[in-house]
N, C-alpha and C. Protein backbone atom coordinates (compact mmCIF):
# COMPACT_ATOMS: atom_id res chain seq x y z
N UNK A 1 115.62 100.07 89.22
CA UNK A 1 114.27 99.71 88.89
C UNK A 1 113.34 100.61 89.72
N UNK A 2 112.32 101.16 89.08
CA UNK A 2 111.38 102.04 89.77
C UNK A 2 110.06 101.29 89.97
N UNK A 3 109.56 101.32 91.20
CA UNK A 3 108.30 100.65 91.51
C UNK A 3 107.33 101.68 92.09
N UNK A 4 106.04 101.46 91.83
CA UNK A 4 105.00 102.37 92.30
C UNK A 4 103.83 101.55 92.80
N UNK A 5 103.33 101.88 93.99
CA UNK A 5 102.16 101.21 94.56
C UNK A 5 100.91 101.80 93.93
N UNK A 6 100.13 100.97 93.23
CA UNK A 6 98.94 101.46 92.53
C UNK A 6 97.64 100.88 93.08
N UNK A 7 97.72 99.87 93.95
CA UNK A 7 96.53 99.30 94.57
C UNK A 7 96.74 99.19 96.08
N UNK A 8 95.65 99.22 96.80
CA UNK A 8 95.70 99.20 98.26
C UNK A 8 96.06 97.81 98.79
N UNK A 9 96.66 97.79 99.98
CA UNK A 9 96.97 96.53 100.64
C UNK A 9 95.86 96.13 101.62
N UNK A 10 94.82 96.93 101.72
CA UNK A 10 93.69 96.61 102.61
C UNK A 10 93.02 95.33 102.11
N UNK A 11 92.82 94.40 103.02
CA UNK A 11 92.17 93.14 102.68
C UNK A 11 93.09 92.11 102.07
N UNK A 12 94.36 92.43 101.94
CA UNK A 12 95.34 91.49 101.38
C UNK A 12 95.91 90.63 102.50
N UNK A 13 96.43 89.45 102.15
CA UNK A 13 97.08 88.61 103.17
C UNK A 13 98.26 89.34 103.82
N UNK A 14 98.54 89.00 105.05
CA UNK A 14 99.58 89.69 105.80
C UNK A 14 100.94 89.62 105.11
N UNK A 15 101.26 88.50 104.45
CA UNK A 15 102.56 88.41 103.79
C UNK A 15 102.70 89.42 102.66
N UNK A 16 101.59 89.76 101.99
CA UNK A 16 101.65 90.78 100.94
C UNK A 16 101.81 92.17 101.54
N UNK A 17 101.13 92.44 102.63
CA UNK A 17 101.28 93.72 103.33
C UNK A 17 102.72 93.89 103.78
N UNK A 18 103.30 92.84 104.35
CA UNK A 18 104.69 92.89 104.81
C UNK A 18 105.66 93.08 103.66
N UNK A 19 105.39 92.46 102.52
CA UNK A 19 106.27 92.59 101.36
C UNK A 19 106.26 94.02 100.83
N UNK A 20 105.08 94.62 100.74
CA UNK A 20 104.98 96.02 100.27
C UNK A 20 105.73 96.93 101.24
N UNK A 21 105.59 96.69 102.53
CA UNK A 21 106.29 97.50 103.54
C UNK A 21 107.80 97.33 103.40
N UNK A 22 108.25 96.10 103.14
CA UNK A 22 109.68 95.82 102.99
C UNK A 22 110.26 96.50 101.75
N UNK A 23 109.42 96.71 100.75
CA UNK A 23 109.85 97.43 99.55
C UNK A 23 109.91 98.94 99.78
N UNK A 24 109.43 99.38 100.94
CA UNK A 24 109.51 100.80 101.29
C UNK A 24 108.34 101.62 100.81
N UNK A 25 107.21 100.97 100.52
CA UNK A 25 106.03 101.68 100.03
C UNK A 25 104.96 101.69 101.10
N UNK A 26 104.28 102.84 101.26
CA UNK A 26 103.25 102.96 102.29
C UNK A 26 101.91 103.40 101.72
N UNK A 27 101.92 104.38 100.82
CA UNK A 27 100.68 104.96 100.33
C UNK A 27 100.51 104.69 98.83
N UNK A 28 99.26 104.62 98.39
CA UNK A 28 98.98 104.46 96.97
C UNK A 28 99.54 105.67 96.24
N UNK A 29 100.19 105.42 95.12
CA UNK A 29 100.78 106.49 94.33
C UNK A 29 102.23 106.76 94.68
N UNK A 30 102.71 106.20 95.78
CA UNK A 30 104.09 106.39 96.19
C UNK A 30 105.01 105.55 95.31
N UNK A 31 106.11 106.14 94.87
CA UNK A 31 107.06 105.38 94.06
C UNK A 31 108.44 105.44 94.69
N UNK A 32 109.27 104.50 94.27
CA UNK A 32 110.59 104.37 94.88
C UNK A 32 111.54 103.72 93.89
N UNK A 33 112.77 104.16 93.91
CA UNK A 33 113.84 103.56 93.11
C UNK A 33 114.51 102.49 93.97
N UNK A 34 114.57 101.26 93.47
CA UNK A 34 115.19 100.16 94.22
C UNK A 34 116.25 99.49 93.35
N UNK A 35 117.21 98.84 94.00
CA UNK A 35 118.23 98.10 93.28
C UNK A 35 117.60 96.88 92.62
N UNK A 36 118.12 96.51 91.46
CA UNK A 36 117.59 95.36 90.72
C UNK A 36 118.37 94.11 91.12
N UNK A 37 117.97 93.51 92.24
CA UNK A 37 118.62 92.30 92.74
C UNK A 37 117.63 91.15 92.71
N UNK A 38 118.11 89.91 92.78
CA UNK A 38 117.19 88.77 92.80
C UNK A 38 116.20 88.83 93.97
N UNK A 39 116.63 89.31 95.12
CA UNK A 39 115.74 89.40 96.28
C UNK A 39 114.61 90.40 96.03
N UNK A 40 114.95 91.55 95.49
CA UNK A 40 113.94 92.57 95.18
C UNK A 40 113.00 92.06 94.10
N UNK A 41 113.55 91.41 93.09
CA UNK A 41 112.71 90.86 92.01
C UNK A 41 111.70 89.85 92.56
N UNK A 42 112.13 89.03 93.52
CA UNK A 42 111.23 88.07 94.14
C UNK A 42 110.11 88.74 94.90
N UNK A 43 110.44 89.82 95.63
CA UNK A 43 109.41 90.55 96.36
C UNK A 43 108.44 91.22 95.41
N UNK A 44 108.96 91.80 94.32
CA UNK A 44 108.09 92.45 93.33
C UNK A 44 107.17 91.41 92.69
N UNK A 45 107.68 90.24 92.40
CA UNK A 45 106.87 89.17 91.80
C UNK A 45 105.73 88.76 92.73
N UNK A 46 105.98 88.77 94.03
CA UNK A 46 104.97 88.39 95.02
C UNK A 46 103.78 89.35 95.03
N UNK A 47 104.03 90.63 94.81
CA UNK A 47 102.95 91.63 94.88
C UNK A 47 102.81 92.39 93.56
N UNK A 48 103.11 91.73 92.45
CA UNK A 48 103.09 92.41 91.15
C UNK A 48 101.71 92.96 90.79
N UNK A 49 100.65 92.37 91.33
CA UNK A 49 99.29 92.83 91.06
C UNK A 49 98.97 94.15 91.78
N UNK A 50 99.84 94.57 92.70
CA UNK A 50 99.63 95.82 93.43
C UNK A 50 100.56 96.93 92.95
N UNK A 51 101.53 96.58 92.11
CA UNK A 51 102.58 97.52 91.71
C UNK A 51 102.58 97.81 90.22
N UNK A 52 103.21 98.92 89.88
CA UNK A 52 103.62 99.23 88.51
C UNK A 52 105.14 99.23 88.54
N UNK A 53 105.76 98.58 87.57
CA UNK A 53 107.22 98.46 87.56
C UNK A 53 107.77 99.07 86.28
N UNK A 54 108.78 99.92 86.42
CA UNK A 54 109.52 100.47 85.29
C UNK A 54 110.95 99.96 85.40
N UNK A 55 111.44 99.34 84.36
CA UNK A 55 112.79 98.76 84.39
C UNK A 55 113.86 99.78 84.41
């Protein structure tokens, strides 16, 4: 599964900032290939408004 950070984490609750960091994303526009596991899906669901997801 490919994820891309498309919105800033500035002004977001700390748990959302931590979740984005745990997904390995730091800068807007940065993308990453991650394994499609239930844990990753849960993290993506938590910050779905900040990400673009390609299956």
